[in-house]
């Protein structure tokens, strides 16, 4: 399962790439899915705003946009996850969180979308948040 990391419009290097890649695979498998090709693209606010406007018709800044390419649950999980480092940094400051922790939360949020989690309704948001917390704890246990 290739998880590939890219940067567009900024220079950014993810720490602990191997551990994060293994964690992503584990999360996908915990959801009874097979990992496929996943690209995680780190970018700035303006780059992600253009994607948000062009493809989703939203004219707002956001921290993450996920594009899912598999159609059936039986197919490997494949997709692109675009993450605004500007937005993650600002959210971490506002929420008084460590930048890396907020970044991991956004990464797993995108992965959970690829695993068919939704976050439109209050019940879906609650389920998504619980899954994020559970899987973040899994990552932090593996990094110790």
C-alpha atoms as a PDB file:
ATOM      1  CA  UNK A   1       0.000   0.000   0.000  1.00  0.00           C
ATOM      2  CA  UNK A   2       1.713   3.135  -1.050  1.00  0.00           C
ATOM      3  CA  UNK A   3       0.973   6.200   1.014  1.00  0.00           C
ATOM      4  CA  UNK A   4       2.799   9.047  -0.624  1.00  0.00           C
ATOM      5  CA  UNK A   5       3.385  12.516   0.783  1.00  0.00           C
ATOM      6  CA  UNK A   6       3.719  15.609  -1.379  1.00  0.00           C
ATOM      7  CA  UNK A   7       3.943  19.365  -0.954  1.00  0.00           C
ATOM      8  CA  UNK A   8       2.310  21.908  -3.248  1.00  0.00           C
ATOM      9  CA  UNK A   9       2.806  25.665  -2.905  1.00  0.00           C
ATOM     10  CA  UNK A  10       4.812  25.207   0.326  1.00  0.00           C
ATOM     11  CA  UNK A  11       7.844  23.348   1.627  1.00  0.00           C
ATOM     12  CA  UNK A  12       6.784  20.859   4.287  1.00  0.00           C
ATOM     13  CA  UNK A  13       8.226  17.575   5.537  1.00  0.00           C
ATOM     14  CA  UNK A  14       6.139  15.280   7.701  1.00  0.00           C
ATOM     15  CA  UNK A  15       7.889  13.885  10.785  1.00  0.00           C
ATOM     16  CA  UNK A  16       7.755  10.126  11.432  1.00  0.00           C
ATOM     17  CA  UNK A  17       6.623   9.224   7.886  1.00  0.00           C
ATOM     18  CA  UNK A  18       7.111   5.485   8.439  1.00  0.00           C
ATOM     19  CA  UNK A  19       5.133   5.477  11.682  1.00  0.00           C
ATOM     20  CA  UNK A  20       2.364   7.600  10.175  1.00  0.00           C
ATOM     21  CA  UNK A  21       2.192   5.340   7.103  1.00  0.00           C
ATOM     22  CA  UNK A  22       1.956   2.213   9.288  1.00  0.00           C
ATOM     23  CA  UNK A  23      -0.728   3.923  11.406  1.00  0.00           C
ATOM     24  CA  UNK A  24      -2.786   4.830   8.330  1.00  0.00           C
ATOM     25  CA  UNK A  25      -2.632   1.210   7.158  1.00  0.00           C
ATOM     26  CA  UNK A  26      -3.660  -0.022  10.603  1.00  0.00           C
ATOM     27  CA  UNK A  27      -6.626   2.387  10.775  1.00  0.00           C
ATOM     28  CA  UNK A  28      -7.866   1.301   7.352  1.00  0.00           C
ATOM     29  CA  UNK A  29      -7.567  -2.360   8.340  1.00  0.00           C
ATOM     30  CA  UNK A  30      -9.356  -1.680  11.658  1.00  0.00           C
ATOM     31  CA  UNK A  31     -12.285  -0.552   9.513  1.00  0.00           C
ATOM     32  CA  UNK A  32     -12.313  -3.901   7.669  1.00  0.00           C
ATOM     33  CA  UNK A  33     -10.919  -2.357   4.519  1.00  0.00           C
ATOM     34  CA  UNK A  34      -7.866  -2.931   2.357  1.00  0.00           C
ATOM     35  CA  UNK A  35      -5.408  -0.081   1.904  1.00  0.00           C
ATOM     36  CA  UNK A  36      -4.752   1.102  -1.647  1.00  0.00           C
ATOM     37  CA  UNK A  37      -2.962   4.120  -3.083  1.00  0.00           C
ATOM     38  CA  UNK A  38      -3.293   7.241  -0.950  1.00  0.00           C
ATOM     39  CA  UNK A  39      -1.696  10.595  -1.670  1.00  0.00           C
ATOM     40  CA  UNK A  40      -1.451  13.169   1.093  1.00  0.00           C
ATOM     41  CA  UNK A  41      -0.703  16.606  -0.291  1.00  0.00           C
ATOM     42  CA  UNK A  42       0.382  19.369   2.072  1.00  0.00           C
ATOM     43  CA  UNK A  43      -0.327  22.861   0.775  1.00  0.00           C
ATOM     44  CA  UNK A  44      -1.122  26.418   1.839  1.00  0.00           C
ATOM     45  CA  UNK A  45      -4.513  28.071   2.388  1.00  0.00           C
ATOM     46  CA  UNK A  46      -4.756  29.598  -1.086  1.00  0.00           C
ATOM     47  CA  UNK A  47      -3.970  26.329  -2.869  1.00  0.00           C
ATOM     48  CA  UNK A  48      -6.638  24.464  -0.894  1.00  0.00           C
ATOM     49  CA  UNK A  49      -9.121  27.315  -1.326  1.00  0.00           C
ATOM     50  CA  UNK A  50      -8.768  26.974  -5.110  1.00  0.00           C
ATOM     51  CA  UNK A  51      -9.471  23.229  -4.860  1.00  0.00           C
ATOM     52  CA  UNK A  52     -12.424  23.884  -2.558  1.00  0.00           C
ATOM     53  CA  UNK A  53     -13.858  26.436  -5.015  1.00  0.00           C
ATOM     54  CA  UNK A  54     -13.203  24.442  -8.185  1.00  0.00           C
ATOM     55  CA  UNK A  55     -14.321  20.985  -7.116  1.00  0.00           C
ATOM     56  CA  UNK A  56     -16.669  21.502  -4.164  1.00  0.00           C
ATOM     57  CA  UNK A  57     -18.050  24.966  -4.993  1.00  0.00           C
ATOM     58  CA  UNK A  58     -17.174  26.170  -1.465  1.00  0.00           C
ATOM     59  CA  UNK A  59     -15.637  29.604  -1.076  1.00  0.00           C
ATOM     60  CA  UNK A  60     -14.112  29.034   2.355  1.00  0.00           C
ATOM     61  CA  UNK A  61     -10.777  28.111   3.850  1.00  0.00           C
ATOM     62  CA  UNK A  62     -10.631  24.599   5.267  1.00  0.00           C
ATOM     63  CA  UNK A  63      -8.004  22.357   6.799  1.00  0.00           C
ATOM     64  CA  UNK A  64      -8.659  19.249   4.694  1.00  0.00           C
ATOM     65  CA  UNK A  65     -10.326  18.187   1.448  1.00  0.00           C
ATOM     66  CA  UNK A  66     -10.586  14.487   0.624  1.00  0.00           C
ATOM     67  CA  UNK A  67     -11.220  12.907  -2.771  1.00  0.00           C
ATOM     68  CA  UNK A  68     -12.212   9.241  -2.678  1.00  0.00           C
ATOM     69  CA  UNK A  69     -11.529   7.180  -5.812  1.00  0.00           C
ATOM     70  CA  UNK A  70     -12.768   3.715  -4.836  1.00  0.00           C
ATOM     71  CA  UNK A  71     -16.454   2.979  -5.416  1.00  0.00           C
ATOM     72  CA  UNK A  72     -17.121  -0.213  -3.494  1.00  0.00           C
ATOM     73  CA  UNK A  73     -16.218  -1.220   0.066  1.00  0.00           C
ATOM     74  CA  UNK A  74     -14.643  -4.338  -1.424  1.00  0.00           C
ATOM     75  CA  UNK A  75     -12.134  -2.187  -3.336  1.00  0.00           C
ATOM     76  CA  UNK A  76      -8.900  -0.960  -1.732  1.00  0.00           C
ATOM     77  CA  UNK A  77      -9.169   2.451  -0.078  1.00  0.00           C
ATOM     78  CA  UNK A  78      -7.763   4.978  -2.553  1.00  0.00           C
ATOM     79  CA  UNK A  79      -7.805   8.743  -2.659  1.00  0.00           C
ATOM     80  CA  UNK A  80      -6.140  12.107  -2.329  1.00  0.00           C
ATOM     81  CA  UNK A  81      -6.108  14.108   0.895  1.00  0.00           C
ATOM     82  CA  UNK A  82      -5.195  17.797   0.616  1.00  0.00           C
ATOM     83  CA  UNK A  83      -4.180  19.461   3.883  1.00  0.00           C
ATOM     84  CA  UNK A  84      -3.619  23.164   4.441  1.00  0.00           C
ATOM     85  CA  UNK A  85      -0.623  23.545   6.733  1.00  0.00           C
ATOM     86  CA  UNK A  86      -1.617  27.208   7.253  1.00  0.00           C
ATOM     87  CA  UNK A  87      -5.030  26.173   8.556  1.00  0.00           C
ATOM     88  CA  UNK A  88      -3.638  23.348  10.715  1.00  0.00           C
ATOM     89  CA  UNK A  89      -1.131  25.753  12.271  1.00  0.00           C
ATOM     90  CA  UNK A  90      -3.826  28.370  12.956  1.00  0.00           C
ATOM     91  CA  UNK A  91      -6.243  25.778  14.376  1.00  0.00           C
ATOM     92  CA  UNK A  92      -3.518  24.390  16.647  1.00  0.00           C
ATOM     93  CA  UNK A  93      -2.866  27.885  18.009  1.00  0.00           C
ATOM     94  CA  UNK A  94      -6.577  28.640  18.502  1.00  0.00           C
ATOM     95  CA  UNK A  95      -7.235  25.306  20.196  1.00  0.00           C
ATOM     96  CA  UNK A  96      -3.964  25.473  22.157  1.00  0.00           C
ATOM     97  CA  UNK A  97      -2.853  22.143  20.693  1.00  0.00           C
ATOM     98  CA  UNK A  98       0.576  20.979  19.598  1.00  0.00           C
ATOM     99  CA  UNK A  99       0.949  21.439  15.828  1.00  0.00           C
ATOM    100  CA  UNK A 100       1.893  17.777  15.185  1.00  0.00           C
ATOM    101  CA  UNK A 101      -1.123  16.553  17.165  1.00  0.00           C
ATOM    102  CA  UNK A 102      -3.477  18.776  15.170  1.00  0.00           C
ATOM    103  CA  UNK A 103      -1.849  17.635  11.924  1.00  0.00           C
ATOM    104  CA  UNK A 104      -2.330  13.977  12.881  1.00  0.00           C
ATOM    105  CA  UNK A 105      -5.982  14.705  13.683  1.00  0.00           C
ATOM    106  CA  UNK A 106      -6.494  16.221  10.235  1.00  0.00           C
ATOM    107  CA  UNK A 107      -4.684  13.332   8.519  1.00  0.00           C
ATOM    108  CA  UNK A 108      -6.839  10.747  10.265  1.00  0.00           C
ATOM    109  CA  UNK A 109      -9.967  12.799   9.563  1.00  0.00           C
ATOM    110  CA  UNK A 110      -9.189  12.481   5.847  1.00  0.00           C
ATOM    111  CA  UNK A 111      -8.454   8.766   6.168  1.00  0.00           C
ATOM    112  CA  UNK A 112     -11.755   8.220   7.992  1.00  0.00           C
ATOM    113  CA  UNK A 113     -13.581   9.983   5.151  1.00  0.00           C
ATOM    114  CA  UNK A 114     -11.904   7.498   2.787  1.00  0.00           C
ATOM    115  CA  UNK A 115     -13.262   4.735   5.060  1.00  0.00           C
ATOM    116  CA  UNK A 116     -16.777   6.181   4.530  1.00  0.00           C
ATOM    117  CA  UNK A 117     -17.147   8.133   7.763  1.00  0.00           C
ATOM    118  CA  UNK A 118     -19.336  11.202   7.321  1.00  0.00           C
ATOM    119  CA  UNK A 119     -19.519  14.388   9.386  1.00  0.00           C
ATOM    120  CA  UNK A 120     -22.598  16.301   8.231  1.00  0.00           C
ATOM    121  CA  UNK A 121     -25.045  15.532  11.051  1.00  0.00           C
ATOM    122  CA  UNK A 122     -24.381  15.897  14.805  1.00  0.00           C
ATOM    123  CA  UNK A 123     -24.473  12.099  15.212  1.00  0.00           C
ATOM    124  CA  UNK A 124     -21.988  11.627  12.358  1.00  0.00           C
ATOM    125  CA  UNK A 125     -19.709  14.321  13.802  1.00  0.00           C
ATOM    126  CA  UNK A 126     -19.779  12.599  17.182  1.00  0.00           C
ATOM    127  CA  UNK A 127     -18.898   9.228  15.619  1.00  0.00           C
ATOM    128  CA  UNK A 128     -16.097  10.846  13.583  1.00  0.00           C
ATOM    129  CA  UNK A 129     -14.649  12.619  16.655  1.00  0.00           C
ATOM    130  CA  UNK A 130     -14.730   9.405  18.707  1.00  0.00           C
ATOM    131  CA  UNK A 131     -12.934   7.527  15.917  1.00  0.00           C
ATOM    132  CA  UNK A 132     -10.344  10.320  15.569  1.00  0.00           C
ATOM    133  CA  UNK A 133      -9.616  10.194  19.306  1.00  0.00           C
ATOM    134  CA  UNK A 134      -9.387   6.383  19.341  1.00  0.00           C
ATOM    135  CA  UNK A 135      -6.983   6.264  16.394  1.00  0.00           C
ATOM    136  CA  UNK A 136      -4.883   9.190  17.627  1.00  0.00           C
ATOM    137  CA  UNK A 137      -4.374   7.294  20.890  1.00  0.00           C
ATOM    138  CA  UNK A 138      -3.269   4.297  18.812  1.00  0.00           C
ATOM    139  CA  UNK A 139      -0.649   6.430  17.022  1.00  0.00           C
ATOM    140  CA  UNK A 140       0.667   8.034  20.196  1.00  0.00           C
ATOM    141  CA  UNK A 141       0.992   4.640  21.895  1.00  0.00           C
ATOM    142  CA  UNK A 142       3.075   3.406  18.948  1.00  0.00           C
ATOM    143  CA  UNK A 143       5.357   6.469  19.039  1.00  0.00           C
ATOM    144  CA  UNK A 144       6.306   5.986  22.717  1.00  0.00           C
END
